[in-house]
Structure formats: C-alpha cells, structure tokens
C-alpha cells in the first residue's frame, strides 16, 4: 500500500511574514483554514511542508484509510473541513 500524507491547514496565511509561505500554501492546494488534503508522500511535498510546518499539521496514513472524498483531482484529494456546511 502506498503511503499518503494527511495535511490540514491550522493557521491562516494572512499574517505570514514571507511571501514564499503564501506561494507554497497555494501550490499545495490550500485555499482556506481547516481544509484537509491527502498528498502523495514524496521528497518534493515533504520539502514544501517543511517550509510551512507552522501553518499545517501532517500525519502519515495508508491509502486505504482515506474516507470517501468530496472532490478528487490529480495528485491530491480534497475534503471539506469542520463547519463548512457541506
């Protein structure tokens, strides 16, 4: 089974001190707080997550543990966060 990373944004990017952090969060696919993405475990993704480790929480999971997805796209799976109303 392939390893996946469960990544949840827990802090806002509004007051980040560097524009690089905003660009990294955007390239990871985050648009707002408390969104959870399931990313493939690769050195490139790990490097991006290391840059913004103060904004996200990361868990290693098995691919079979991913719940039924709301939306799927190439490279990541997007689930709505708490209180989103969906």
PDB file of N, CA and C in Angstrom:
ATOM      1  N   UNK A   1       0.834  -1.185   0.000  1.00  0.00           N
ATOM      2  CA  UNK A   1       0.000   0.000   0.000  1.00  0.00           C
ATOM      3  C   UNK A   1       0.879   1.249   0.000  1.00  0.00           C
ATOM      4  N   UNK A   2       0.445   2.237  -0.742  1.00  0.00           N
ATOM      5  CA  UNK A   2       1.199   3.487  -0.834  1.00  0.00           C
ATOM      6  C   UNK A   2       0.925   4.359   0.383  1.00  0.00           C
ATOM      7  N   UNK A   3       1.948   5.058   0.813  1.00  0.00           N
ATOM      8  CA  UNK A   3       1.800   5.994   1.927  1.00  0.00           C
ATOM      9  C   UNK A   3       1.252   7.314   1.407  1.00  0.00           C
ATOM     10  N   UNK A   4       0.407   7.920   2.190  1.00  0.00           N
ATOM     11  CA  UNK A   4      -0.146   9.241   1.900  1.00  0.00           C
ATOM     12  C   UNK A   4       0.108  10.130   3.103  1.00  0.00           C
ATOM     13  N   UNK A   5       0.046  11.420   2.881  1.00  0.00           N
ATOM     14  CA  UNK A   5       0.169  12.399   3.951  1.00  0.00           C
ATOM     15  C   UNK A   5      -1.168  13.107   4.098  1.00  0.00           C
ATOM     16  N   UNK A   6      -1.692  13.119   5.316  1.00  0.00           N
ATOM     17  CA  UNK A   6      -2.914  13.864   5.621  1.00  0.00           C
ATOM     18  C   UNK A   6      -2.455  15.224   6.135  1.00  0.00           C
ATOM     19  N   UNK A   7      -2.724  16.268   5.362  1.00  0.00           N
ATOM     20  CA  UNK A   7      -2.241  17.611   5.677  1.00  0.00           C
ATOM     21  C   UNK A   7      -3.444  18.513   5.929  1.00  0.00           C
ATOM     22  N   UNK A   8      -3.479  19.162   7.088  1.00  0.00           N
ATOM     23  CA  UNK A   8      -4.564  20.066   7.453  1.00  0.00           C
ATOM     24  C   UNK A   8      -4.001  21.439   7.756  1.00  0.00           C
ATOM     25  N   UNK A   9      -4.575  22.455   7.146  1.00  0.00           N
ATOM     26  CA  UNK A   9      -4.150  23.826   7.430  1.00  0.00           C
ATOM     27  C   UNK A   9      -4.791  24.249   8.747  1.00  0.00           C
ATOM     28  N   UNK A  10      -3.964  24.679   9.711  1.00  0.00           N
ATOM     29  CA  UNK A  10      -4.479  25.049  11.026  1.00  0.00           C
ATOM     30  C   UNK A  10      -4.275  26.524  11.356  1.00  0.00           C
ATOM     31  N   UNK A  11      -3.507  27.227  10.546  1.00  0.00           N
ATOM     32  CA  UNK A  11      -3.304  28.656  10.761  1.00  0.00           C
ATOM     33  C   UNK A  11      -3.476  29.396   9.446  1.00  0.00           C
ATOM     34  N   UNK A  12      -3.860  30.651   9.539  1.00  0.00           N
ATOM     35  CA  UNK A  12      -4.101  31.466   8.362  1.00  0.00           C
ATOM     36  C   UNK A  12      -2.787  31.919   7.734  1.00  0.00           C
ATOM     37  N   UNK A  13      -2.822  32.129   6.422  1.00  0.00           N
ATOM     38  CA  UNK A  13      -1.637  32.634   5.734  1.00  0.00           C
ATOM     39  C   UNK A  13      -1.642  34.165   5.654  1.00  0.00           C
ATOM     40  N   UNK A  14      -2.664  34.804   6.207  1.00  0.00           N
ATOM     41  CA  UNK A  14      -2.783  36.264   6.105  1.00  0.00           C
ATOM     42  C   UNK A  14      -1.593  36.963   6.752  1.00  0.00           C
ATOM     43  N   UNK A  15      -1.187  36.531   7.930  1.00  0.00           N
ATOM     44  CA  UNK A  15      -0.118  37.231   8.643  1.00  0.00           C
ATOM     45  C   UNK A  15       1.224  36.520   8.554  1.00  0.00           C
ATOM     46  N   UNK A  16       1.417  35.697   7.523  1.00  0.00           N
ATOM     47  CA  UNK A  16       2.732  35.088   7.373  1.00  0.00           C
ATOM     48  C   UNK A  16       3.722  36.161   6.970  1.00  0.00           C
ATOM     49  N   UNK A  17       4.942  36.013   7.424  1.00  0.00           N
ATOM     50  CA  UNK A  17       5.928  37.061   7.226  1.00  0.00           C
ATOM     51  C   UNK A  17       6.585  37.017   5.854  1.00  0.00           C
ATOM     52  N   UNK A  18       6.502  35.905   5.175  1.00  0.00           N
ATOM     53  CA  UNK A  18       7.182  35.788   3.902  1.00  0.00           C
ATOM     54  C   UNK A  18       6.194  35.438   2.794  1.00  0.00           C
ATOM     55  N   UNK A  19       6.380  36.066   1.655  1.00  0.00           N
ATOM     56  CA  UNK A  19       5.527  35.762   0.505  1.00  0.00           C
ATOM     57  C   UNK A  19       5.737  34.329   0.039  1.00  0.00           C
ATOM     58  N   UNK A  20       6.924  33.763   0.311  1.00  0.00           N
ATOM     59  CA  UNK A  20       7.200  32.387  -0.083  1.00  0.00           C
ATOM     60  C   UNK A  20       6.227  31.416   0.567  1.00  0.00           C
ATOM     61  N   UNK A  21       5.843  31.678   1.815  1.00  0.00           N
ATOM     62  CA  UNK A  21       4.905  30.798   2.512  1.00  0.00           C
ATOM     63  C   UNK A  21       3.553  30.794   1.804  1.00  0.00           C
ATOM     64  N   UNK A  22       3.116  31.961   1.367  1.00  0.00           N
ATOM     65  CA  UNK A  22       1.836  32.044   0.662  1.00  0.00           C
ATOM     66  C   UNK A  22       1.887  31.270  -0.649  1.00  0.00           C
ATOM     67  N   UNK A  23       3.000  31.374  -1.362  1.00  0.00           N
ATOM     68  CA  UNK A  23       3.150  30.663  -2.622  1.00  0.00           C
ATOM     69  C   UNK A  23       3.180  29.149  -2.416  1.00  0.00           C
ATOM     70  N   UNK A  24       3.848  28.707  -1.356  1.00  0.00           N
ATOM     71  CA  UNK A  24       3.927  27.269  -1.071  1.00  0.00           C
ATOM     72  C   UNK A  24       2.543  26.735  -0.705  1.00  0.00           C
ATOM     73  N   UNK A  25       1.814  27.448   0.127  1.00  0.00           N
ATOM     74  CA  UNK A  25       0.471  27.000   0.513  1.00  0.00           C
ATOM     75  C   UNK A  25      -0.450  26.939  -0.709  1.00  0.00           C
ATOM     76  N   UNK A  26      -0.330  27.898  -1.600  1.00  0.00           N
ATOM     77  CA  UNK A  26      -1.133  27.899  -2.808  1.00  0.00           C
ATOM     78  C   UNK A  26      -0.756  26.725  -3.714  1.00  0.00           C
ATOM     79  N   UNK A  27       0.536  26.441  -3.822  1.00  0.00           N
ATOM     80  CA  UNK A  27       0.958  25.338  -4.678  1.00  0.00           C
ATOM     81  C   UNK A  27       0.578  23.983  -4.086  1.00  0.00           C
ATOM     82  N   UNK A  28       0.448  23.900  -2.766  1.00  0.00           N
ATOM     83  CA  UNK A  28      -0.031  22.670  -2.136  1.00  0.00           C
ATOM     84  C   UNK A  28      -1.523  22.468  -2.364  1.00  0.00           C
ATOM     85  N   UNK A  29      -2.248  23.545  -2.651  1.00  0.00           N
ATOM     86  CA  UNK A  29      -3.677  23.433  -2.934  1.00  0.00           C
ATOM     87  C   UNK A  29      -4.578  23.992  -1.861  1.00  0.00           C
ATOM     88  N   UNK A  30      -4.028  24.676  -0.866  1.00  0.00           N
ATOM     89  CA  UNK A  30      -4.841  25.221   0.219  1.00  0.00           C
ATOM     90  C   UNK A  30      -5.441  26.556  -0.180  1.00  0.00           C
ATOM     91  N   UNK A  31      -6.710  26.746   0.162  1.00  0.00           N
ATOM     92  CA  UNK A  31      -7.408  27.995  -0.113  1.00  0.00           C
ATOM     93  C   UNK A  31      -7.921  28.664   1.161  1.00  0.00           C
ATOM     94  N   UNK A  32      -8.225  27.852   2.203  1.00  0.00           N
ATOM     95  CA  UNK A  32      -8.719  28.431   3.455  1.00  0.00           C
ATOM     96  C   UNK A  32      -8.383  27.512   4.619  1.00  0.00           C
ATOM     97  N   UNK A  33      -8.612  28.016   5.834  1.00  0.00           N
ATOM     98  CA  UNK A  33      -8.251  27.283   7.049  1.00  0.00           C
ATOM     99  C   UNK A  33      -9.079  26.011   7.220  1.00  0.00           C
ATOM    100  N   UNK A  34      -8.488  25.079   7.954  1.00  0.00           N
ATOM    101  CA  UNK A  34      -9.123  23.823   8.346  1.00  0.00           C
ATOM    102  C   UNK A  34      -9.550  22.971   7.157  1.00  0.00           C
ATOM    103  N   UNK A  35      -8.847  23.100   6.055  1.00  0.00           N
ATOM    104  CA  UNK A  35      -9.042  22.246   4.900  1.00  0.00           C
ATOM    105  C   UNK A  35      -8.071  21.089   5.022  1.00  0.00           C
ATOM    106  N   UNK A  36      -8.489  19.893   4.660  1.00  0.00           N
ATOM    107  CA  UNK A  36      -7.630  18.714   4.716  1.00  0.00           C
ATOM    108  C   UNK A  36      -7.370  18.207   3.312  1.00  0.00           C
ATOM    109  N   UNK A  37      -6.094  18.016   2.996  1.00  0.00           N
ATOM    110  CA  UNK A  37      -5.686  17.450   1.720  1.00  0.00           C
ATOM    111  C   UNK A  37      -4.932  16.163   1.970  1.00  0.00           C
ATOM    112  N   UNK A  38      -5.055  15.225   1.060  1.00  0.00           N
ATOM    113  CA  UNK A  38      -4.293  13.985   1.120  1.00  0.00           C
ATOM    114  C   UNK A  38      -3.297  14.019  -0.029  1.00  0.00           C
ATOM    115  N   UNK A  39      -2.014  14.123   0.308  1.00  0.00           N
ATOM    116  CA  UNK A  39      -0.954  14.263  -0.693  1.00  0.00           C
ATOM    117  C   UNK A  39      -0.152  12.971  -0.778  1.00  0.00           C
ATOM    118  N   UNK A  40       0.405  12.715  -1.956  1.00  0.00           N
ATOM    119  CA  UNK A  40       1.327  11.601  -2.113  1.00  0.00           C
ATOM    120  C   UNK A  40       2.607  11.912  -1.349  1.00  0.00           C
ATOM    121  N   UNK A  41       3.179  10.900  -0.702  1.00  0.00           N
ATOM    122  CA  UNK A  41       4.396  11.095   0.075  1.00  0.00           C
ATOM    123  C   UNK A  41       5.601  11.095  -0.865  1.00  0.00           C
ATOM    124  N   UNK A  42       6.196  12.271  -1.062  1.00  0.00           N
ATOM    125  CA  UNK A  42       7.364  12.396  -1.928  1.00  0.00           C
ATOM    126  C   UNK A  42       8.313  13.430  -1.314  1.00  0.00           C
ATOM    127  N   UNK A  43       9.579  13.402  -1.703  1.00  0.00           N
ATOM    128  CA  UNK A  43      10.528  14.386  -1.166  1.00  0.00           C
ATOM    129  C   UNK A  43      10.144  15.831  -1.496  1.00  0.00           C
ATOM    130  N   UNK A  44       9.539  16.055  -2.658  1.00  0.00           N
ATOM    131  CA  UNK A  44       9.135  17.403  -3.039  1.00  0.00           C
ATOM    132  C   UNK A  44       8.040  17.940  -2.120  1.00  0.00           C
ATOM    133  N   UNK A  45       7.046  17.102  -1.844  1.00  0.00           N
ATOM    134  CA  UNK A  45       5.947  17.509  -0.964  1.00  0.00           C
ATOM    135  C   UNK A  45       6.460  17.689   0.459  1.00  0.00           C
ATOM    136  N   UNK A  46       7.319  16.779   0.916  1.00  0.00           N
ATOM    137  CA  UNK A  46       7.900  16.901   2.255  1.00  0.00           C
ATOM    138  C   UNK A  46       8.667  18.209   2.407  1.00  0.00           C
ATOM    139  N   UNK A  47       9.401  18.612   1.370  1.00  0.00           N
ATOM    140  CA  UNK A  47      10.148  19.867   1.411  1.00  0.00           C
ATOM    141  C   UNK A  47       9.236  21.077   1.513  1.00  0.00           C
ATOM    142  N   UNK A  48       8.138  21.055   0.760  1.00  0.00           N
ATOM    143  CA  UNK A  48       7.183  22.165   0.833  1.00  0.00           C
ATOM    144  C   UNK A  48       6.528  22.224   2.202  1.00  0.00           C
ATOM    145  N   UNK A  49       6.190  21.055   2.753  1.00  0.00           N
ATOM    146  CA  UNK A  49       5.564  21.031   4.075  1.00  0.00           C
ATOM    147  C   UNK A  49       6.523  21.494   5.163  1.00  0.00           C
ATOM    148  N   UNK A  50       7.806  21.241   4.990  1.00  0.00           N
ATOM    149  CA  UNK A  50       8.803  21.708   5.958  1.00  0.00           C
ATOM    150  C   UNK A  50       8.864  23.237   5.988  1.00  0.00           C
ATOM    151  N   UNK A  51       8.672  23.878   4.842  1.00  0.00           N
ATOM    152  CA  UNK A  51       8.691  25.341   4.772  1.00  0.00           C
ATOM    153  C   UNK A  51       7.525  25.971   5.524  1.00  0.00           C
ATOM    154  N   UNK A  52       6.388  25.290   5.554  1.00  0.00           N
ATOM    155  CA  UNK A  52       5.183  25.865   6.171  1.00  0.00           C
ATOM    156  C   UNK A  52       4.718  25.025   7.356  1.00  0.00           C
ATOM    157  N   UNK A  53       5.647  24.391   8.056  1.00  0.00           N
ATOM    158  CA  UNK A  53       5.285  23.482   9.151  1.00  0.00           C
ATOM    159  C   UNK A  53       4.538  24.185  10.279  1.00  0.00           C
ATOM    160  N   UNK A  54       4.681  25.509  10.402  1.00  0.00           N
ATOM    161  CA  UNK A  54       3.975  26.249  11.447  1.00  0.00           C
ATOM    162  C   UNK A  54       2.518  26.544  11.066  1.00  0.00           C
ATOM    163  N   UNK A  55       2.136  26.274   9.821  1.00  0.00           N
ATOM    164  CA  UNK A  55       0.778  26.541   9.353  1.00  0.00           C
ATOM    165  C   UNK A  55      -0.071  25.284   9.186  1.00  0.00           C
ATOM    166  N   UNK A  56       0.564  24.107   9.202  1.00  0.00           N
ATOM    167  CA  UNK A  56      -0.147  22.865   8.911  1.00  0.00           C
ATOM    168  C   UNK A  56       0.171  21.785   9.936  1.00  0.00           C
ATOM    169  N   UNK A  57      -0.693  20.777   9.990  1.00  0.00           N
ATOM    170  CA  UNK A  57      -0.385  19.544  10.724  1.00  0.00           C
ATOM    171  C   UNK A  57      -0.313  18.423   9.689  1.00  0.00           C
ATOM    172  N   UNK A  58       0.598  17.479   9.917  1.00  0.00           N
ATOM    173  CA  UNK A  58       0.841  16.411   8.954  1.00  0.00           C
ATOM    174  C   UNK A  58       0.775  15.068   9.665  1.00  0.00           C
ATOM    175  N   UNK A  59       0.070  14.109   9.065  1.00  0.00           N
ATOM    176  CA  UNK A  59       0.000  12.739   9.570  1.00  0.00           C
ATOM    177  C   UNK A  59       0.283  11.789   8.411  1.00  0.00           C
ATOM    178  N   UNK A  60       1.022  10.726   8.675  1.00  0.00           N
ATOM    179  CA  UNK A  60       1.219   9.670   7.685  1.00  0.00           C
ATOM    180  C   UNK A  60       0.097   8.656   7.823  1.00  0.00           C
ATOM    181  N   UNK A  61      -0.537   8.313   6.703  1.00  0.00           N
ATOM    182  CA  UNK A  61      -1.620   7.339   6.724  1.00  0.00           C
ATOM    183  C   UNK A  61      -1.465   6.403   5.529  1.00  0.00           C
ATOM    184  N   UNK A  62      -2.200   5.310   5.571  1.00  0.00           N
ATOM    185  CA  UNK A  62      -2.263   4.389   4.435  1.00  0.00           C
ATOM    186  C   UNK A  62      -3.351   4.871   3.480  1.00  0.00           C
ATOM    187  N   UNK A  63      -3.207   4.558   2.229  1.00  0.00           N
ATOM    188  CA  UNK A  63      -4.167   4.995   1.227  1.00  0.00           C
ATOM    189  C   UNK A  63      -5.572   4.452   1.495  1.00  0.00           C
ATOM    190  N   UNK A  64      -5.660   3.261   2.073  1.00  0.00           N
ATOM    191  CA  UNK A  64      -6.971   2.656   2.350  1.00  0.00           C
ATOM    192  C   UNK A  64      -7.709   3.375   3.474  1.00  0.00           C
ATOM    193  N   UNK A  65      -7.017   4.193   4.278  1.00  0.00           N
ATOM    194  CA  UNK A  65      -7.639   4.899   5.397  1.00  0.00           C
ATOM    195  C   UNK A  65      -8.261   6.234   5.002  1.00  0.00           C
ATOM    196  N   UNK A  66      -8.164   6.611   3.739  1.00  0.00           N
ATOM    197  CA  UNK A  66      -8.744   7.874   3.286  1.00  0.00           C
ATOM    198  C   UNK A  66     -10.253   7.705   3.174  1.00  0.00           C
ATOM    199  N   UNK A  67     -11.042   8.582   3.802  1.00  0.00           N
ATOM    200  CA  UNK A  67     -12.505   8.469   3.712  1.00  0.00           C
ATOM    201  C   UNK A  67     -12.987   8.806   2.303  1.00  0.00           C
ATOM    202  N   UNK A  68     -14.250   8.541   2.035  1.00  0.00           N
ATOM    203  CA  UNK A  68     -14.830   8.852   0.726  1.00  0.00           C
ATOM    204  C   UNK A  68     -14.642  10.337   0.447  1.00  0.00           C
ATOM    205  N   UNK A  69     -14.086  10.645  -0.681  1.00  0.00           N
ATOM    206  CA  UNK A  69     -13.713  12.028  -0.999  1.00  0.00           C
ATOM    207  C   UNK A  69     -14.893  12.817  -1.546  1.00  0.00           C
ATOM    208  N   UNK A  70     -14.864  14.111  -1.265  1.00  0.00           N
ATOM    209  CA  UNK A  70     -15.854  15.020  -1.815  1.00  0.00           C
ATOM    210  C   UNK A  70     -15.463  15.364  -3.248  1.00  0.00           C
ATOM    211  N   UNK A  71     -14.183  15.700  -3.462  1.00  0.00           N
ATOM    212  CA  UNK A  71     -13.671  16.037  -4.780  1.00  0.00           C
ATOM    213  C   UNK A  71     -12.339  15.332  -4.971  1.00  0.00           C
ATOM    214  N   UNK A  72     -12.057  14.928  -6.193  1.00  0.00           N
ATOM    215  CA  UNK A  72     -10.765  14.332  -6.499  1.00  0.00           C
ATOM    216  C   UNK A  72     -10.119  15.105  -7.636  1.00  0.00           C
ATOM    217  N   UNK A  73      -8.809  15.233  -7.568  1.00  0.00           N
ATOM    218  CA  UNK A  73      -8.044  15.901  -8.601  1.00  0.00           C
ATOM    219  C   UNK A  73      -6.715  15.177  -8.725  1.00  0.00           C
ATOM    220  N   UNK A  74      -5.978  15.452  -9.763  1.00  0.00           N
ATOM    221  CA  UNK A  74      -4.680  14.803  -9.966  1.00  0.00           C
ATOM    222  C   UNK A  74      -3.717  15.199  -8.854  1.00  0.00           C
ATOM    223  N   UNK A  75      -3.241  14.223  -8.082  1.00  0.00           N
ATOM    224  CA  UNK A  75      -2.220  14.483  -7.088  1.00  0.00           C
ATOM    225  C   UNK A  75      -2.718  14.707  -5.677  1.00  0.00           C
ATOM    226  N   UNK A  76      -3.993  15.078  -5.487  1.00  0.00           N
ATOM    227  CA  UNK A  76      -4.479  15.285  -4.137  1.00  0.00           C
ATOM    228  C   UNK A  76      -5.976  15.048  -4.066  1.00  0.00           C
ATOM    229  N   UNK A  77      -6.453  14.831  -2.857  1.00  0.00           N
ATOM    230  CA  UNK A  77      -7.868  14.643  -2.585  1.00  0.00           C
ATOM    231  C   UNK A  77      -8.298  15.701  -1.602  1.00  0.00           C
ATOM    232  N   UNK A  78      -9.405  16.353  -1.836  1.00  0.00           N
ATOM    233  CA  UNK A  78      -9.861  17.469  -1.021  1.00  0.00           C
ATOM    234  C   UNK A  78     -11.105  17.074  -0.259  1.00  0.00           C
ATOM    235  N   UNK A  79     -11.079  17.299   1.072  1.00  0.00           N
ATOM    236  CA  UNK A  79     -12.250  17.094   1.909  1.00  0.00           C
ATOM    237  C   UNK A  79     -12.601  18.407   2.573  1.00  0.00           C
ATOM    238  N   UNK A  80     -13.884  18.652   2.777  1.00  0.00           N
ATOM    239  CA  UNK A  80     -14.298  19.863   3.464  1.00  0.00           C
ATOM    240  C   UNK A  80     -13.944  19.777   4.929  1.00  0.00           C
ATOM    241  N   UNK A  81     -13.578  20.911   5.516  1.00  0.00           N
ATOM    242  CA  UNK A  81     -13.222  20.972   6.918  1.00  0.00           C
ATOM    243  C   UNK A  81     -14.435  21.117   7.801  1.00  0.00           C
ATOM    244  N   UNK A  82     -14.212  21.198   9.140  1.00  0.00           N
ATOM    245  CA  UNK A  82     -15.337  21.341  10.062  1.00  0.00           C
ATOM    246  C   UNK A  82     -16.027  22.686   9.905  1.00  0.00           C
ATOM    247  N   UNK A  83     -17.323  22.700  10.000  1.00  0.00           N
ATOM    248  CA  UNK A  83     -18.071  23.941   9.946  1.00  0.00           C
ATOM    249  C   UNK A  83     -18.209  24.525   8.563  1.00  0.00           C
ATOM    250  N   UNK A  84     -17.928  23.760   7.524  1.00  0.00           N
ATOM    251  CA  UNK A  84     -18.004  24.303   6.174  1.00  0.00           C
ATOM    252  C   UNK A  84     -19.439  24.295   5.635  1.00  0.00           C
ATOM    253  N   UNK A  85     -20.307  23.522   6.294  1.00  0.00           N
ATOM    254  CA  UNK A  85     -21.700  23.498   5.879  1.00  0.00           C
ATOM    255  C   UNK A  85     -21.992  22.556   4.733  1.00  0.00           C
ATOM    256  N   UNK A  86     -20.990  21.842   4.238  1.00  0.00           N
ATOM    257  CA  UNK A  86     -21.222  20.910   3.128  1.00  0.00           C
ATOM    258  C   UNK A  86     -21.378  19.506   3.632  1.00  0.00           C
TER     259      UNK A  86
END
